[in-house]
Amino acid sequence: MSMVTQSIDVEVPLHTAYNQWTQLEEFPQFMEGVEEVRQIDDRHNHWKTSIAGVEREFDTEIVDQLPDERVAWRTVSGEVTQMGVVTFQRLDADHTRVKVAMDFEPEGLAERSADALGVLDRRVKGDLKRFKGFIEERGLESGGWRGRISPR
């Protein structure tokens, strides 16, 4: 497995950044290659992606979610193998650090080559920059889910 870790500071309060991140169905607005995220229930989501012309579908499970602190996930079916966590750190009343740490298994020669060249690192960094622009431009979250999901 390969590991990606990226972070960004956003100019919104902690609860605003966290609440927006829980709106997974809005990820296509700032995540490159994510075409659709459909929430199945509090724990499960179905993803459709198209990256470099390769379309994939997979399901994820939220395995740990603590409001204003973290959301951790893993794939449970489909064409992608990954797990990760996004954490939120209050810097001051109006600034939050958002950090993504993700393990993934590159599939095939093209993905292994892209991984070796740091393509996923750059993609996650770009997604975080787009999230920053998305949430700072809005100033407010579009919704939020503040439930607790404990590891099983």
N, C-alpha and C. Protein backbone atom coordinates (compact mmCIF):
# COMPACT_ATOMS: atom_id res chain seq x y z
N MET A 1 0.84 -1.18 0.00
CA MET A 1 0.00 0.00 0.00
C MET A 1 0.89 1.24 0.00
N SER A 2 0.36 2.31 -0.54
CA SER A 2 1.05 3.60 -0.57
C SER A 2 0.32 4.57 0.35
N MET A 3 1.05 5.55 0.84
CA MET A 3 0.49 6.51 1.79
C MET A 3 0.60 7.92 1.23
N VAL A 4 -0.48 8.68 1.40
CA VAL A 4 -0.51 10.10 1.04
C VAL A 4 -0.92 10.87 2.28
N THR A 5 -0.22 11.95 2.57
CA THR A 5 -0.59 12.84 3.67
C THR A 5 -0.47 14.27 3.17
N GLN A 6 -1.55 15.02 3.27
CA GLN A 6 -1.58 16.42 2.86
C GLN A 6 -2.44 17.20 3.86
N SER A 7 -2.14 18.47 4.03
CA SER A 7 -2.97 19.31 4.90
C SER A 7 -3.07 20.71 4.31
N ILE A 8 -4.07 21.42 4.79
CA ILE A 8 -4.27 22.81 4.36
C ILE A 8 -4.96 23.56 5.49
N ASP A 9 -4.67 24.83 5.60
CA ASP A 9 -5.35 25.69 6.58
C ASP A 9 -6.44 26.45 5.86
N VAL A 10 -7.65 26.41 6.43
CA VAL A 10 -8.78 27.10 5.83
C VAL A 10 -9.25 28.20 6.77
N GLU A 11 -9.75 29.27 6.17
CA GLU A 11 -10.16 30.44 6.93
C GLU A 11 -11.65 30.38 7.24
N VAL A 12 -12.01 29.35 8.02
CA VAL A 12 -13.36 29.18 8.56
C VAL A 12 -13.23 28.52 9.92
N PRO A 13 -14.23 28.69 10.79
CA PRO A 13 -14.18 28.02 12.09
C PRO A 13 -14.18 26.50 11.94
N LEU A 14 -13.69 25.83 12.96
CA LEU A 14 -13.58 24.37 12.97
C LEU A 14 -14.90 23.69 12.62
N HIS A 15 -15.99 24.09 13.27
CA HIS A 15 -17.27 23.41 13.03
C HIS A 15 -17.74 23.59 11.58
N THR A 16 -17.40 24.72 10.95
CA THR A 16 -17.80 24.95 9.57
C THR A 16 -17.05 24.01 8.63
N ALA A 17 -15.74 23.90 8.81
CA ALA A 17 -14.95 22.99 7.97
C ALA A 17 -15.40 21.55 8.16
N TYR A 18 -15.58 21.14 9.40
CA TYR A 18 -16.00 19.75 9.68
C TYR A 18 -17.39 19.48 9.08
N ASN A 19 -18.33 20.36 9.35
CA ASN A 19 -19.69 20.15 8.86
C ASN A 19 -19.72 20.02 7.34
N GLN A 20 -18.96 20.86 6.64
CA GLN A 20 -18.95 20.78 5.18
C GLN A 20 -18.36 19.46 4.72
N TRP A 21 -17.31 18.99 5.38
CA TRP A 21 -16.69 17.73 4.97
C TRP A 21 -17.66 16.56 5.11
N THR A 22 -18.61 16.65 6.01
CA THR A 22 -19.58 15.55 6.18
C THR A 22 -20.61 15.50 5.06
N GLN A 23 -20.61 16.49 4.20
CA GLN A 23 -21.55 16.54 3.07
C GLN A 23 -20.91 15.87 1.86
N LEU A 24 -20.76 14.55 1.94
CA LEU A 24 -20.02 13.79 0.94
C LEU A 24 -20.61 13.93 -0.47
N GLU A 25 -21.91 14.10 -0.57
CA GLU A 25 -22.53 14.20 -1.89
C GLU A 25 -22.11 15.47 -2.63
N GLU A 26 -21.48 16.41 -1.93
CA GLU A 26 -20.98 17.63 -2.56
C GLU A 26 -19.50 17.53 -2.96
N PHE A 27 -18.85 16.41 -2.68
CA PHE A 27 -17.43 16.24 -3.03
C PHE A 27 -17.15 16.49 -4.52
N PRO A 28 -18.05 16.10 -5.44
CA PRO A 28 -17.73 16.36 -6.85
C PRO A 28 -17.51 17.85 -7.18
N GLN A 29 -17.98 18.74 -6.31
CA GLN A 29 -17.79 20.17 -6.56
C GLN A 29 -16.36 20.63 -6.34
N PHE A 30 -15.56 19.83 -5.59
CA PHE A 30 -14.18 20.25 -5.36
C PHE A 30 -13.16 19.12 -5.48
N MET A 31 -13.60 17.90 -5.68
CA MET A 31 -12.65 16.79 -5.83
C MET A 31 -12.55 16.38 -7.29
N GLU A 32 -11.38 16.54 -7.85
CA GLU A 32 -11.12 16.20 -9.24
C GLU A 32 -11.32 14.70 -9.45
N GLY A 33 -12.06 14.35 -10.48
CA GLY A 33 -12.26 12.95 -10.82
C GLY A 33 -13.42 12.28 -10.11
N VAL A 34 -13.98 12.92 -9.09
CA VAL A 34 -15.13 12.35 -8.39
C VAL A 34 -16.39 12.83 -9.12
N GLU A 35 -17.10 11.89 -9.71
CA GLU A 35 -18.29 12.24 -10.47
C GLU A 35 -19.55 12.22 -9.62
N GLU A 36 -19.60 11.29 -8.65
CA GLU A 36 -20.80 11.18 -7.82
C GLU A 36 -20.46 10.46 -6.52
N VAL A 37 -21.04 10.94 -5.43
CA VAL A 37 -21.02 10.22 -4.16
C VAL A 37 -22.47 10.16 -3.70
N ARG A 38 -22.93 8.95 -3.47
CA ARG A 38 -24.32 8.76 -3.01
C ARG A 38 -24.28 8.15 -1.62
N GLN A 39 -24.91 8.84 -0.68
CA GLN A 39 -24.94 8.33 0.68
C GLN A 39 -26.02 7.26 0.78
N ILE A 40 -25.63 6.07 1.24
CA ILE A 40 -26.55 4.95 1.37
C ILE A 40 -27.19 4.98 2.76
N ASP A 41 -26.38 5.17 3.79
CA ASP A 41 -26.85 5.32 5.17
C ASP A 41 -25.76 6.10 5.92
N ASP A 42 -25.87 6.18 7.25
CA ASP A 42 -24.90 6.97 8.02
C ASP A 42 -23.47 6.50 7.84
N ARG A 43 -23.27 5.22 7.58
CA ARG A 43 -21.92 4.65 7.46
C ARG A 43 -21.45 4.43 6.03
N HIS A 44 -22.35 4.22 5.10
CA HIS A 44 -21.98 3.72 3.77
C HIS A 44 -22.27 4.71 2.65
N ASN A 45 -21.33 4.73 1.67
CA ASN A 45 -21.44 5.62 0.51
C ASN A 45 -21.01 4.88 -0.74
N HIS A 46 -21.62 5.25 -1.86
CA HIS A 46 -21.26 4.68 -3.15
C HIS A 46 -20.61 5.79 -3.98
N TRP A 47 -19.42 5.50 -4.55
CA TRP A 47 -18.63 6.47 -5.29
C TRP A 47 -18.55 6.08 -6.75
N LYS A 48 -18.57 7.10 -7.63
CA LYS A 48 -18.27 6.93 -9.05
C LYS A 48 -17.17 7.93 -9.36
N THR A 49 -16.06 7.43 -9.92
CA THR A 49 -14.94 8.30 -10.27
C THR A 49 -14.55 8.07 -11.72
N SER A 50 -13.90 9.07 -12.28
CA SER A 50 -13.34 8.97 -13.61
C SER A 50 -12.02 9.73 -13.59
N ILE A 51 -10.93 8.97 -13.61
CA ILE A 51 -9.60 9.56 -13.51
C ILE A 51 -8.79 9.09 -14.70
N ALA A 52 -8.33 10.04 -15.49
CA ALA A 52 -7.55 9.75 -16.69
C ALA A 52 -8.28 8.76 -17.60
N GLY A 53 -9.59 8.94 -17.70
CA GLY A 53 -10.39 8.10 -18.57
C GLY A 53 -10.76 6.74 -17.99
N VAL A 54 -10.31 6.44 -16.78
CA VAL A 54 -10.63 5.16 -16.14
C VAL A 54 -11.79 5.39 -15.16
N GLU A 55 -12.91 4.76 -15.46
CA GLU A 55 -14.08 4.89 -14.59
C GLU A 55 -14.10 3.76 -13.58
N ARG A 56 -14.41 4.12 -12.35
CA ARG A 56 -14.47 3.14 -11.28
C ARG A 56 -15.67 3.43 -10.39
N GLU A 57 -16.20 2.36 -9.79
CA GLU A 57 -17.24 2.48 -8.78
C GLU A 57 -16.82 1.65 -7.59
N PHE A 58 -17.09 2.17 -6.40
CA PHE A 58 -16.75 1.46 -5.17
C PHE A 58 -17.60 1.97 -4.02
N ASP A 59 -17.62 1.19 -2.96
CA ASP A 59 -18.37 1.55 -1.75
C ASP A 59 -17.40 1.76 -0.60
N THR A 60 -17.71 2.75 0.22
CA THR A 60 -16.90 3.02 1.41
C THR A 60 -17.76 2.91 2.66
N GLU A 61 -17.08 2.67 3.75
CA GLU A 61 -17.72 2.64 5.06
C GLU A 61 -17.00 3.63 5.96
N ILE A 62 -17.76 4.50 6.62
CA ILE A 62 -17.19 5.37 7.65
C ILE A 62 -16.98 4.47 8.87
N VAL A 63 -15.73 4.34 9.31
CA VAL A 63 -15.43 3.44 10.43
C VAL A 63 -15.25 4.17 11.75
N ASP A 64 -15.04 5.48 11.69
CA ASP A 64 -14.87 6.27 12.91
C ASP A 64 -15.17 7.73 12.55
N GLN A 65 -16.09 8.30 13.27
CA GLN A 65 -16.43 9.71 13.03
C GLN A 65 -16.71 10.36 14.37
N LEU A 66 -15.91 11.37 14.70
CA LEU A 66 -16.06 12.13 15.93
C LEU A 66 -16.19 13.60 15.54
N PRO A 67 -17.36 14.20 15.79
CA PRO A 67 -17.58 15.59 15.36
C PRO A 67 -16.45 16.53 15.77
N ASP A 68 -16.09 17.36 14.81
CA ASP A 68 -15.06 18.39 14.95
C ASP A 68 -13.65 17.82 15.14
N GLU A 69 -13.47 16.51 14.99
CA GLU A 69 -12.14 15.92 15.14
C GLU A 69 -11.70 15.09 13.94
N ARG A 70 -12.52 14.10 13.52
CA ARG A 70 -12.05 13.20 12.47
C ARG A 70 -13.20 12.45 11.81
N VAL A 71 -12.89 12.02 10.57
CA VAL A 71 -13.73 11.09 9.82
C VAL A 71 -12.77 10.08 9.20
N ALA A 72 -12.96 8.79 9.53
CA ALA A 72 -12.10 7.73 8.98
C ALA A 72 -12.97 6.80 8.15
N TRP A 73 -12.39 6.30 7.04
CA TRP A 73 -13.15 5.46 6.13
C TRP A 73 -12.28 4.33 5.58
N ARG A 74 -12.95 3.39 4.94
CA ARG A 74 -12.26 2.32 4.21
C ARG A 74 -13.19 1.86 3.10
N THR A 75 -12.61 1.32 2.05
CA THR A 75 -13.45 0.74 1.01
C THR A 75 -13.92 -0.63 1.48
N VAL A 76 -15.13 -0.98 1.06
CA VAL A 76 -15.68 -2.29 1.43
C VAL A 76 -16.02 -3.13 0.22
N SER A 77 -16.09 -2.51 -0.96
CA SER A 77 -16.32 -3.27 -2.19
C SER A 77 -16.00 -2.39 -3.38
N GLY A 78 -15.78 -3.05 -4.51
CA GLY A 78 -15.55 -2.31 -5.74
C GLY A 78 -14.12 -2.41 -6.22
N GLU A 79 -13.76 -1.49 -7.09
CA GLU A 79 -12.50 -1.54 -7.84
C GLU A 79 -11.37 -0.73 -7.20
N VAL A 80 -11.55 -0.29 -5.98
CA VAL A 80 -10.55 0.55 -5.31
C VAL A 80 -10.30 -0.02 -3.92
N THR A 81 -9.02 -0.02 -3.51
CA THR A 81 -8.66 -0.45 -2.15
C THR A 81 -7.99 0.73 -1.47
N GLN A 82 -8.66 1.28 -0.45
CA GLN A 82 -8.09 2.41 0.27
C GLN A 82 -8.69 2.51 1.66
N MET A 83 -7.99 3.24 2.51
CA MET A 83 -8.50 3.62 3.82
C MET A 83 -7.85 4.94 4.16
N GLY A 84 -8.51 5.70 5.01
CA GLY A 84 -7.92 6.98 5.34
C GLY A 84 -8.64 7.66 6.47
N VAL A 85 -8.13 8.83 6.82
CA VAL A 85 -8.73 9.65 7.87
C VAL A 85 -8.49 11.11 7.51
N VAL A 86 -9.49 11.92 7.76
CA VAL A 86 -9.33 13.37 7.67
C VAL A 86 -9.53 13.90 9.08
N THR A 87 -8.58 14.76 9.50
CA THR A 87 -8.67 15.33 10.84
C THR A 87 -8.79 16.85 10.74
N PHE A 88 -9.36 17.41 11.79
CA PHE A 88 -9.62 18.84 11.85
C PHE A 88 -9.01 19.39 13.12
N GLN A 89 -8.20 20.45 12.99
CA GLN A 89 -7.53 21.04 14.14
C GLN A 89 -7.85 22.53 14.19
N ARG A 90 -8.39 22.98 15.30
CA ARG A 90 -8.69 24.40 15.49
C ARG A 90 -7.37 25.15 15.65
N LEU A 91 -7.14 26.15 14.79
CA LEU A 91 -5.96 26.98 14.91
C LEU A 91 -6.27 28.23 15.73
N ASP A 92 -7.42 28.82 15.47
CA ASP A 92 -7.98 29.91 16.27
C ASP A 92 -9.46 29.97 15.93
N ALA A 93 -10.16 30.98 16.37
CA ALA A 93 -11.62 31.03 16.20
C ALA A 93 -12.06 30.98 14.74
N ASP A 94 -11.21 31.43 13.82
CA ASP A 94 -11.60 31.53 12.42
C ASP A 94 -10.72 30.74 11.45
N HIS A 95 -9.86 29.87 11.97
CA HIS A 95 -8.95 29.10 11.10
C HIS A 95 -8.86 27.65 11.57
N THR A 96 -8.85 26.75 10.59
CA THR A 96 -8.83 25.31 10.86
C THR A 96 -7.82 24.63 9.94
N ARG A 97 -7.09 23.69 10.49
CA ARG A 97 -6.21 22.85 9.66
C ARG A 97 -6.96 21.56 9.34
N VAL A 98 -7.02 21.24 8.05
CA VAL A 98 -7.64 20.01 7.56
C VAL A 98 -6.52 19.13 7.04
N LYS A 99 -6.42 17.91 7.58
CA LYS A 99 -5.33 17.00 7.19
C LYS A 99 -5.93 15.67 6.71
N VAL A 100 -5.47 15.23 5.56
CA VAL A 100 -5.89 13.96 4.99
C VAL A 100 -4.70 13.01 5.00
N ALA A 101 -4.92 11.81 5.53
CA ALA A 101 -3.93 10.73 5.48
C ALA A 101 -4.64 9.53 4.87
N MET A 102 -4.09 8.99 3.79
CA MET A 102 -4.79 7.94 3.06
C MET A 102 -3.80 6.87 2.61
N ASP A 103 -4.17 5.62 2.85
CA ASP A 103 -3.45 4.46 2.32
C ASP A 103 -4.25 3.94 1.14
N PHE A 104 -3.56 3.57 0.07
CA PHE A 104 -4.26 3.03 -1.09
C PHE A 104 -3.39 2.00 -1.78
N GLU A 105 -4.04 1.14 -2.51
CA GLU A 105 -3.35 0.09 -3.25
C GLU A 105 -3.44 0.41 -4.73
N PRO A 106 -2.32 0.84 -5.36
CA PRO A 106 -2.37 1.11 -6.80
C PRO A 106 -2.67 -0.18 -7.57
N GLU A 107 -3.56 -0.09 -8.54
CA GLU A 107 -3.95 -1.25 -9.35
C GLU A 107 -3.34 -1.10 -10.73
N GLY A 108 -2.58 -2.06 -11.17
CA GLY A 108 -2.05 -2.06 -12.53
C GLY A 108 -0.82 -1.19 -12.69
N LEU A 109 -0.21 -1.33 -13.84
CA LEU A 109 1.03 -0.63 -14.14
C LEU A 109 0.85 0.89 -14.17
N ALA A 110 -0.24 1.37 -14.78
CA ALA A 110 -0.45 2.82 -14.89
C ALA A 110 -0.56 3.46 -13.51
N GLU A 111 -1.33 2.85 -12.61
CA GLU A 111 -1.49 3.42 -11.27
C GLU A 111 -0.21 3.33 -10.47
N ARG A 112 0.52 2.22 -10.60
CA ARG A 112 1.80 2.10 -9.88
C ARG A 112 2.79 3.17 -10.38
N SER A 113 2.80 3.42 -11.68
CA SER A 113 3.66 4.45 -12.24
C SER A 113 3.24 5.83 -11.76
N ALA A 114 1.94 6.09 -11.78
CA ALA A 114 1.44 7.38 -11.30
C ALA A 114 1.78 7.58 -9.83
N ASP A 115 1.66 6.52 -9.04
CA ASP A 115 2.01 6.59 -7.63
C ASP A 115 3.48 6.93 -7.46
N ALA A 116 4.34 6.27 -8.22
CA ALA A 116 5.78 6.53 -8.12
C ALA A 116 6.12 7.97 -8.49
N LEU A 117 5.32 8.57 -9.36
CA LEU A 117 5.55 9.96 -9.79
C LEU A 117 4.87 10.98 -8.88
N GLY A 118 4.16 10.52 -7.84
CA GLY A 118 3.52 11.44 -6.90
C GLY A 118 2.22 12.05 -7.39
N VAL A 119 1.58 11.41 -8.35
CA VAL A 119 0.34 11.96 -8.92
C VAL A 119 -0.75 12.05 -7.86
N LEU A 120 -0.93 11.01 -7.04
CA LEU A 120 -1.99 11.06 -6.03
C LEU A 120 -1.71 12.12 -4.98
N ASP A 121 -0.46 12.28 -4.59
CA ASP A 121 -0.11 13.36 -3.65
C ASP A 121 -0.59 14.71 -4.19
N ARG A 122 -0.28 14.96 -5.47
CA ARG A 122 -0.68 16.23 -6.08
C ARG A 122 -2.20 16.34 -6.20
N ARG A 123 -2.85 15.22 -6.48
CA ARG A 123 -4.31 15.25 -6.61
C ARG A 123 -4.95 15.61 -5.26
N VAL A 124 -4.51 14.96 -4.18
CA VAL A 124 -5.07 15.25 -2.86
C VAL A 124 -4.77 16.69 -2.47
N LYS A 125 -3.57 17.15 -2.75
CA LYS A 125 -3.22 18.55 -2.47
C LYS A 125 -4.14 19.50 -3.23
N GLY A 126 -4.38 19.19 -4.50
CA GLY A 126 -5.29 20.01 -5.30
C GLY A 126 -6.72 19.96 -4.79
N ASP A 127 -7.17 18.78 -4.38
CA ASP A 127 -8.52 18.65 -3.83
C ASP A 127 -8.67 19.50 -2.56
N LEU A 128 -7.65 19.49 -1.71
CA LEU A 128 -7.71 20.31 -0.50
C LEU A 128 -7.71 21.80 -0.83
N LYS A 129 -6.95 22.21 -1.84
CA LYS A 129 -6.97 23.62 -2.25
C LYS A 129 -8.35 24.01 -2.77
N ARG A 130 -8.97 23.09 -3.54
CA ARG A 130 -10.32 23.38 -4.04
C ARG A 130 -11.34 23.38 -2.89
N PHE A 131 -11.16 22.51 -1.89
CA PHE A 131 -12.04 22.54 -0.71
C PHE A 131 -11.89 23.89 -0.01
N LYS A 132 -10.66 24.36 0.14
CA LYS A 132 -10.41 25.65 0.77
C LYS A 132 -11.17 26.76 0.03
N GLY A 133 -11.03 26.80 -1.28
CA GLY A 133 -11.73 27.81 -2.07
C GLY A 133 -13.24 27.67 -1.94
N PHE A 134 -13.72 26.42 -1.97
CA PHE A 134 -15.15 26.13 -1.89
C PHE A 134 -15.73 26.64 -0.57
N ILE A 135 -15.12 26.29 0.56
CA ILE A 135 -15.68 26.64 1.86
C ILE A 135 -15.44 28.11 2.20
N GLU A 136 -14.29 28.66 1.81
CA GLU A 136 -14.03 30.06 2.12
C GLU A 136 -14.92 30.99 1.30
N GLU A 137 -15.18 30.61 0.06
CA GLU A 137 -16.07 31.43 -0.77
C GLU A 137 -17.48 31.43 -0.20
N ARG A 138 -17.94 30.28 0.25
CA ARG A 138 -19.28 30.17 0.82
C ARG A 138 -19.34 30.85 2.19
N GLY A 139 -18.30 30.63 3.00
CA GLY A 139 -18.28 31.19 4.35
C GLY A 139 -19.07 30.38 5.35
N LEU A 140 -20.00 29.61 4.86
CA LEU A 140 -20.86 28.76 5.71
C LEU A 140 -20.94 27.39 5.09
N GLU A 141 -21.13 26.39 5.93
CA GLU A 141 -21.33 25.05 5.43
C GLU A 141 -22.71 24.91 4.79
N SER A 142 -22.83 23.99 3.85
CA SER A 142 -24.12 23.75 3.19
C SER A 142 -24.98 22.80 4.00
N GLY A 143 -24.44 22.23 5.04
CA GLY A 143 -25.14 21.30 5.91
C GLY A 143 -24.12 20.68 6.83
N GLY A 144 -24.54 19.68 7.57
CA GLY A 144 -23.60 19.01 8.46
C GLY A 144 -24.27 17.83 9.12
N TRP A 145 -23.49 16.81 9.37
CA TRP A 145 -23.97 15.66 10.12
C TRP A 145 -23.05 15.49 11.30
N ARG A 146 -23.59 15.58 12.51
CA ARG A 146 -22.78 15.63 13.71
C ARG A 146 -22.89 14.36 14.53
N GLY A 147 -23.36 13.29 13.90
CA GLY A 147 -23.47 12.03 14.62
C GLY A 147 -22.12 11.41 14.90
N ARG A 148 -22.10 10.52 15.88
CA ARG A 148 -20.87 9.80 16.26
C ARG A 148 -20.95 8.39 15.69
N ILE A 149 -19.91 8.02 14.99
CA ILE A 149 -19.77 6.64 14.51
C ILE A 149 -18.54 6.07 15.19
N SER A 150 -18.72 5.03 15.98
CA SER A 150 -17.62 4.41 16.70
C SER A 150 -17.09 3.21 15.95
N PRO A 151 -15.78 2.99 16.06
CA PRO A 151 -15.23 1.79 15.43
C PRO A 151 -15.90 0.54 15.98
N ARG A 152 -16.07 -0.45 15.11
CA ARG A 152 -16.73 -1.68 15.56
C ARG A 152 -15.73 -2.62 16.16
